[in-house]
């Protein structure tokens, strides 16, 4: 799954109201990669935000609403599919300064605990980047369920969390004459998930 934070009223009013096709979302799911967004953002030169995403990934989830701790999530991302809208920057991200893609082609997340308080799904798991693993907790909000025109039952989640990239050995930076650094240490991870029920 991903990580989801509650929508603001302004955001909620931007789109049509969510739908509910199933009252109990328990079951097994596969990420619909064509309609899922795995994104990140960082501050650049202390003045603007640079955003990126990954286009190649796969993931599965098991959801158990009666026993949330029995739920699980697993995601594998192809690091080489990173896209920030600038080829030179993408190439730098794949170098040893950041992802070291030749030696570590995949970024993975595997849950170790899932909790649900009746409103928010809180997924804790090991995030592995560049061969380094650290626990990360991501709150998710269920954004609806639907039956699509092809007969699929799908659910949506949204969420976000912030990590310190240096914890994963992504330490490249440059000092600015005016103070501060070229790339923020804190990175925001953002997830818009569409998952198709398989069982």
C-alpha atoms as a PDB file:
ATOM      1  CA  UNK A   1       0.000   0.000   0.000  1.00  0.00           C
ATOM      2  CA  UNK A   2       1.383   3.290   0.667  1.00  0.00           C
ATOM      3  CA  UNK A   3       1.049   6.085   2.958  1.00  0.00           C
ATOM      4  CA  UNK A   4      -1.913   8.305   3.159  1.00  0.00           C
ATOM      5  CA  UNK A   5      -2.840  11.461   4.967  1.00  0.00           C
ATOM      6  CA  UNK A   6      -6.303  12.888   5.301  1.00  0.00           C
ATOM      7  CA  UNK A   7      -7.489  15.148   2.524  1.00  0.00           C
ATOM      8  CA  UNK A   8      -8.019  18.802   3.269  1.00  0.00           C
ATOM      9  CA  UNK A   9     -11.510  20.185   2.682  1.00  0.00           C
ATOM     10  CA  UNK A  10     -10.171  22.061  -0.342  1.00  0.00           C
ATOM     11  CA  UNK A  11      -8.791  18.889  -1.884  1.00  0.00           C
ATOM     12  CA  UNK A  12     -11.931  16.930  -1.116  1.00  0.00           C
ATOM     13  CA  UNK A  13     -13.981  19.520  -3.020  1.00  0.00           C
ATOM     14  CA  UNK A  14     -11.716  19.269  -6.083  1.00  0.00           C
ATOM     15  CA  UNK A  15     -12.924  15.825  -7.170  1.00  0.00           C
ATOM     16  CA  UNK A  16     -16.208  13.952  -7.334  1.00  0.00           C
ATOM     17  CA  UNK A  17     -17.348  12.280  -4.128  1.00  0.00           C
ATOM     18  CA  UNK A  18     -15.784   8.842  -3.471  1.00  0.00           C
ATOM     19  CA  UNK A  19     -17.840   5.696  -3.988  1.00  0.00           C
ATOM     20  CA  UNK A  20     -18.287   2.585  -1.884  1.00  0.00           C
ATOM     21  CA  UNK A  21     -18.718  -0.716  -3.704  1.00  0.00           C
ATOM     22  CA  UNK A  22     -17.881  -3.004  -0.781  1.00  0.00           C
ATOM     23  CA  UNK A  23     -18.426  -2.503   2.935  1.00  0.00           C
ATOM     24  CA  UNK A  24     -15.596  -4.835   3.928  1.00  0.00           C
ATOM     25  CA  UNK A  25     -12.341  -4.394   1.985  1.00  0.00           C
ATOM     26  CA  UNK A  26     -10.752  -7.562   3.398  1.00  0.00           C
ATOM     27  CA  UNK A  27      -8.952  -9.630   0.782  1.00  0.00           C
ATOM     28  CA  UNK A  28      -5.865  -9.883  -1.394  1.00  0.00           C
ATOM     29  CA  UNK A  29      -4.902  -7.088  -3.771  1.00  0.00           C
ATOM     30  CA  UNK A  30      -2.409  -6.261  -6.504  1.00  0.00           C
ATOM     31  CA  UNK A  31      -1.313  -2.709  -7.245  1.00  0.00           C
ATOM     32  CA  UNK A  32      -2.698  -1.316 -10.488  1.00  0.00           C
ATOM     33  CA  UNK A  33       0.529   0.274 -11.702  1.00  0.00           C
ATOM     34  CA  UNK A  34      -1.227   2.240 -14.446  1.00  0.00           C
ATOM     35  CA  UNK A  35      -3.312   4.111 -11.885  1.00  0.00           C
ATOM     36  CA  UNK A  36      -0.942   4.236  -8.912  1.00  0.00           C
ATOM     37  CA  UNK A  37       1.473   7.072  -8.175  1.00  0.00           C
ATOM     38  CA  UNK A  38       4.585   6.560  -6.042  1.00  0.00           C
ATOM     39  CA  UNK A  39       6.091  10.001  -5.658  1.00  0.00           C
ATOM     40  CA  UNK A  40       8.603  11.997  -3.672  1.00  0.00           C
ATOM     41  CA  UNK A  41       9.549  15.639  -3.233  1.00  0.00           C
ATOM     42  CA  UNK A  42      12.545  17.557  -1.886  1.00  0.00           C
ATOM     43  CA  UNK A  43      13.531  21.178  -1.442  1.00  0.00           C
ATOM     44  CA  UNK A  44      16.149  22.422  -3.893  1.00  0.00           C
ATOM     45  CA  UNK A  45      18.513  25.297  -3.055  1.00  0.00           C
ATOM     46  CA  UNK A  46      16.226  26.101  -0.119  1.00  0.00           C
ATOM     47  CA  UNK A  47      13.806  27.939  -2.409  1.00  0.00           C
ATOM     48  CA  UNK A  48      11.701  25.491  -4.428  1.00  0.00           C
ATOM     49  CA  UNK A  49      10.314  21.968  -4.418  1.00  0.00           C
ATOM     50  CA  UNK A  50      11.432  19.340  -6.925  1.00  0.00           C
ATOM     51  CA  UNK A  51       9.078  16.404  -7.442  1.00  0.00           C
ATOM     52  CA  UNK A  52       9.602  12.985  -8.908  1.00  0.00           C
ATOM     53  CA  UNK A  53       8.049   9.552  -9.188  1.00  0.00           C
ATOM     54  CA  UNK A  54       8.758   5.963 -10.171  1.00  0.00           C
ATOM     55  CA  UNK A  55       7.065   4.379 -13.182  1.00  0.00           C
ATOM     56  CA  UNK A  56       8.056   0.722 -12.819  1.00  0.00           C
ATOM     57  CA  UNK A  57       7.018  -1.174  -9.680  1.00  0.00           C
ATOM     58  CA  UNK A  58       4.905  -4.024  -8.413  1.00  0.00           C
ATOM     59  CA  UNK A  59       3.148  -4.645  -5.164  1.00  0.00           C
ATOM     60  CA  UNK A  60       0.653  -6.784  -3.297  1.00  0.00           C
ATOM     61  CA  UNK A  61      -1.385  -6.377  -0.149  1.00  0.00           C
ATOM     62  CA  UNK A  62      -3.478  -8.527   2.127  1.00  0.00           C
ATOM     63  CA  UNK A  63      -6.151  -6.616   4.046  1.00  0.00           C
ATOM     64  CA  UNK A  64      -7.879  -8.026   7.118  1.00  0.00           C
ATOM     65  CA  UNK A  65     -10.330  -5.567   8.648  1.00  0.00           C
ATOM     66  CA  UNK A  66     -11.234  -7.851  11.558  1.00  0.00           C
ATOM     67  CA  UNK A  67      -7.601  -8.493  12.462  1.00  0.00           C
ATOM     68  CA  UNK A  68      -5.569  -5.602  11.007  1.00  0.00           C
ATOM     69  CA  UNK A  69      -2.308  -7.020  12.387  1.00  0.00           C
ATOM     70  CA  UNK A  70      -2.755  -9.937   9.970  1.00  0.00           C
ATOM     71  CA  UNK A  71      -2.639  -7.507   7.040  1.00  0.00           C
ATOM     72  CA  UNK A  72       0.518  -7.104   4.993  1.00  0.00           C
ATOM     73  CA  UNK A  73       2.045  -5.009   2.216  1.00  0.00           C
ATOM     74  CA  UNK A  74       4.975  -5.610  -0.132  1.00  0.00           C
ATOM     75  CA  UNK A  75       6.294  -3.253  -2.836  1.00  0.00           C
ATOM     76  CA  UNK A  76       9.290  -3.520  -5.163  1.00  0.00           C
ATOM     77  CA  UNK A  77      10.336  -0.465  -7.184  1.00  0.00           C
ATOM     78  CA  UNK A  78      12.692  -0.368 -10.159  1.00  0.00           C
ATOM     79  CA  UNK A  79      15.011   2.497  -9.182  1.00  0.00           C
ATOM     80  CA  UNK A  80      15.966   3.100 -12.825  1.00  0.00           C
ATOM     81  CA  UNK A  81      12.378   4.183 -13.530  1.00  0.00           C
ATOM     82  CA  UNK A  82      12.841   7.388 -11.523  1.00  0.00           C
ATOM     83  CA  UNK A  83      11.510  10.464 -13.320  1.00  0.00           C
ATOM     84  CA  UNK A  84      11.912  14.045 -12.121  1.00  0.00           C
ATOM     85  CA  UNK A  85      11.357  15.638 -15.510  1.00  0.00           C
ATOM     86  CA  UNK A  86      15.084  16.190 -16.088  1.00  0.00           C
ATOM     87  CA  UNK A  87      17.306  13.459 -17.584  1.00  0.00           C
ATOM     88  CA  UNK A  88      20.531  14.830 -16.111  1.00  0.00           C
ATOM     89  CA  UNK A  89      19.026  14.915 -12.635  1.00  0.00           C
ATOM     90  CA  UNK A  90      17.573  11.427 -13.063  1.00  0.00           C
ATOM     91  CA  UNK A  91      21.005  10.162 -14.102  1.00  0.00           C
ATOM     92  CA  UNK A  92      22.551  11.745 -11.014  1.00  0.00           C
ATOM     93  CA  UNK A  93      19.951  10.063  -8.797  1.00  0.00           C
ATOM     94  CA  UNK A  94      20.973   6.678 -10.225  1.00  0.00           C
ATOM     95  CA  UNK A  95      24.667   7.290  -9.552  1.00  0.00           C
ATOM     96  CA  UNK A  96      26.663   6.404  -6.447  1.00  0.00           C
ATOM     97  CA  UNK A  97      25.744   9.777  -4.940  1.00  0.00           C
ATOM     98  CA  UNK A  98      22.207   8.520  -4.464  1.00  0.00           C
ATOM     99  CA  UNK A  99      20.619   5.166  -5.450  1.00  0.00           C
ATOM    100  CA  UNK A 100      23.774   3.479  -6.825  1.00  0.00           C
ATOM    101  CA  UNK A 101      21.503   1.702  -9.285  1.00  0.00           C
ATOM    102  CA  UNK A 102      24.118  -0.638 -10.789  1.00  0.00           C
ATOM    103  CA  UNK A 103      24.613  -2.352  -7.439  1.00  0.00           C
ATOM    104  CA  UNK A 104      21.136  -1.776  -5.973  1.00  0.00           C
ATOM    105  CA  UNK A 105      18.531  -1.782  -8.762  1.00  0.00           C
ATOM    106  CA  UNK A 106      15.518  -2.107  -6.471  1.00  0.00           C
ATOM    107  CA  UNK A 107      13.897  -0.119  -3.686  1.00  0.00           C
ATOM    108  CA  UNK A 108      11.656  -2.272  -1.506  1.00  0.00           C
ATOM    109  CA  UNK A 109       9.114  -1.921   1.271  1.00  0.00           C
ATOM    110  CA  UNK A 110       7.889  -4.888   3.304  1.00  0.00           C
ATOM    111  CA  UNK A 111       5.452  -4.369   6.143  1.00  0.00           C
ATOM    112  CA  UNK A 112       6.145  -5.626   9.635  1.00  0.00           C
ATOM    113  CA  UNK A 113       2.957  -4.364  11.293  1.00  0.00           C
ATOM    114  CA  UNK A 114      -0.401  -2.953  10.256  1.00  0.00           C
ATOM    115  CA  UNK A 115      -2.819  -1.151  12.578  1.00  0.00           C
ATOM    116  CA  UNK A 116      -6.272   0.329  12.005  1.00  0.00           C
ATOM    117  CA  UNK A 117      -8.079   2.675  14.380  1.00  0.00           C
ATOM    118  CA  UNK A 118     -11.369   2.646  12.493  1.00  0.00           C
ATOM    119  CA  UNK A 119     -10.324   5.562  10.321  1.00  0.00           C
ATOM    120  CA  UNK A 120      -6.633   5.417   9.459  1.00  0.00           C
ATOM    121  CA  UNK A 121      -4.534   2.455   8.351  1.00  0.00           C
ATOM    122  CA  UNK A 122      -1.041   2.738   9.805  1.00  0.00           C
ATOM    123  CA  UNK A 123       1.480   0.605   7.950  1.00  0.00           C
ATOM    124  CA  UNK A 124       4.932   0.051   9.467  1.00  0.00           C
ATOM    125  CA  UNK A 125       7.624  -1.731   7.514  1.00  0.00           C
ATOM    126  CA  UNK A 126      11.223  -1.939   6.384  1.00  0.00           C
ATOM    127  CA  UNK A 127      12.137   0.462   3.600  1.00  0.00           C
ATOM    128  CA  UNK A 128      15.301  -0.640   1.807  1.00  0.00           C
ATOM    129  CA  UNK A 129      17.246   1.804  -0.361  1.00  0.00           C
ATOM    130  CA  UNK A 130      20.797   1.262  -1.579  1.00  0.00           C
ATOM    131  CA  UNK A 131      20.974  -1.927   0.470  1.00  0.00           C
ATOM    132  CA  UNK A 132      20.143  -0.106   3.719  1.00  0.00           C
ATOM    133  CA  UNK A 133      16.940  -0.902   5.638  1.00  0.00           C
ATOM    134  CA  UNK A 134      15.142   1.232   8.210  1.00  0.00           C
ATOM    135  CA  UNK A 135      11.603   1.076   9.606  1.00  0.00           C
ATOM    136  CA  UNK A 136       9.098   3.591   8.280  1.00  0.00           C
ATOM    137  CA  UNK A 137       5.514   4.141   9.396  1.00  0.00           C
ATOM    138  CA  UNK A 138       2.992   5.464   6.899  1.00  0.00           C
ATOM    139  CA  UNK A 139      -0.603   6.478   7.671  1.00  0.00           C
ATOM    140  CA  UNK A 140      -3.098   5.629   4.921  1.00  0.00           C
ATOM    141  CA  UNK A 141      -6.616   6.843   4.291  1.00  0.00           C
ATOM    142  CA  UNK A 142      -9.087   4.693   2.386  1.00  0.00           C
ATOM    143  CA  UNK A 143     -10.387   6.916  -0.412  1.00  0.00           C
ATOM    144  CA  UNK A 144     -13.113   4.617  -1.706  1.00  0.00           C
ATOM    145  CA  UNK A 145     -13.960   1.389  -3.466  1.00  0.00           C
ATOM    146  CA  UNK A 146     -15.485   0.765  -6.869  1.00  0.00           C
ATOM    147  CA  UNK A 147     -16.464  -1.770  -9.491  1.00  0.00           C
ATOM    148  CA  UNK A 148     -14.832  -0.716 -12.737  1.00  0.00           C
ATOM    149  CA  UNK A 149     -16.287  -1.327 -16.239  1.00  0.00           C
ATOM    150  CA  UNK A 150     -14.080  -4.417 -16.628  1.00  0.00           C
ATOM    151  CA  UNK A 151     -15.538  -6.188 -13.597  1.00  0.00           C
ATOM    152  CA  UNK A 152     -12.625  -5.448 -11.247  1.00  0.00           C
ATOM    153  CA  UNK A 153     -13.215  -4.545  -7.618  1.00  0.00           C
ATOM    154  CA  UNK A 154     -10.701  -1.891  -6.671  1.00  0.00           C
ATOM    155  CA  UNK A 155      -9.886   0.189  -3.613  1.00  0.00           C
ATOM    156  CA  UNK A 156      -7.972   3.429  -3.269  1.00  0.00           C
ATOM    157  CA  UNK A 157      -5.666   4.737  -0.569  1.00  0.00           C
ATOM    158  CA  UNK A 158      -3.695   7.928  -0.136  1.00  0.00           C
ATOM    159  CA  UNK A 159      -0.921   8.850   2.225  1.00  0.00           C
ATOM    160  CA  UNK A 160       2.414  10.509   2.842  1.00  0.00           C
ATOM    161  CA  UNK A 161       5.327  10.455   5.225  1.00  0.00           C
ATOM    162  CA  UNK A 162       8.700  12.170   5.574  1.00  0.00           C
ATOM    163  CA  UNK A 163      12.095  10.488   5.856  1.00  0.00           C
ATOM    164  CA  UNK A 164      15.671  11.686   6.328  1.00  0.00           C
ATOM    165  CA  UNK A 165      17.537  10.502   3.229  1.00  0.00           C
ATOM    166  CA  UNK A 166      20.921  10.380   4.958  1.00  0.00           C
ATOM    167  CA  UNK A 167      19.617   7.470   7.082  1.00  0.00           C
ATOM    168  CA  UNK A 168      19.797   5.417   3.873  1.00  0.00           C
ATOM    169  CA  UNK A 169      23.246   6.640   2.843  1.00  0.00           C
ATOM    170  CA  UNK A 170      21.924   9.216   0.364  1.00  0.00           C
ATOM    171  CA  UNK A 171      24.300  11.871   1.623  1.00  0.00           C
ATOM    172  CA  UNK A 172      25.267  13.914  -1.441  1.00  0.00           C
ATOM    173  CA  UNK A 173      24.925  17.663  -0.904  1.00  0.00           C
ATOM    174  CA  UNK A 174      26.552  21.021  -1.511  1.00  0.00           C
ATOM    175  CA  UNK A 175      26.647  24.060   0.764  1.00  0.00           C
ATOM    176  CA  UNK A 176      25.157  27.335  -0.474  1.00  0.00           C
ATOM    177  CA  UNK A 177      26.940  30.676  -0.088  1.00  0.00           C
ATOM    178  CA  UNK A 178      23.794  32.101   1.466  1.00  0.00           C
ATOM    179  CA  UNK A 179      23.576  29.279   3.990  1.00  0.00           C
ATOM    180  CA  UNK A 180      21.714  26.029   3.819  1.00  0.00           C
ATOM    181  CA  UNK A 181      22.279  23.215   1.342  1.00  0.00           C
ATOM    182  CA  UNK A 182      21.456  22.365  -2.253  1.00  0.00           C
ATOM    183  CA  UNK A 183      19.178  19.399  -1.470  1.00  0.00           C
ATOM    184  CA  UNK A 184      17.039  19.030   1.638  1.00  0.00           C
ATOM    185  CA  UNK A 185      17.799  16.172   3.989  1.00  0.00           C
ATOM    186  CA  UNK A 186      14.091  15.576   4.494  1.00  0.00           C
ATOM    187  CA  UNK A 187      12.253  13.878   1.652  1.00  0.00           C
ATOM    188  CA  UNK A 188       8.479  13.595   1.474  1.00  0.00           C
ATOM    189  CA  UNK A 189       7.096  10.318   0.150  1.00  0.00           C
ATOM    190  CA  UNK A 190       3.624  10.442  -1.395  1.00  0.00           C
ATOM    191  CA  UNK A 191       1.369   7.580  -2.424  1.00  0.00           C
ATOM    192  CA  UNK A 192      -1.836   7.439  -4.466  1.00  0.00           C
ATOM    193  CA  UNK A 193      -2.778   3.788  -4.596  1.00  0.00           C
ATOM    194  CA  UNK A 194      -5.248   1.917  -6.753  1.00  0.00           C
ATOM    195  CA  UNK A 195      -5.374  -1.786  -5.898  1.00  0.00           C
ATOM    196  CA  UNK A 196      -7.355  -4.513  -7.637  1.00  0.00           C
ATOM    197  CA  UNK A 197      -8.867  -7.308  -5.581  1.00  0.00           C
ATOM    198  CA  UNK A 198      -7.619 -10.754  -6.559  1.00  0.00           C
ATOM    199  CA  UNK A 199      -9.202 -12.903  -3.855  1.00  0.00           C
END
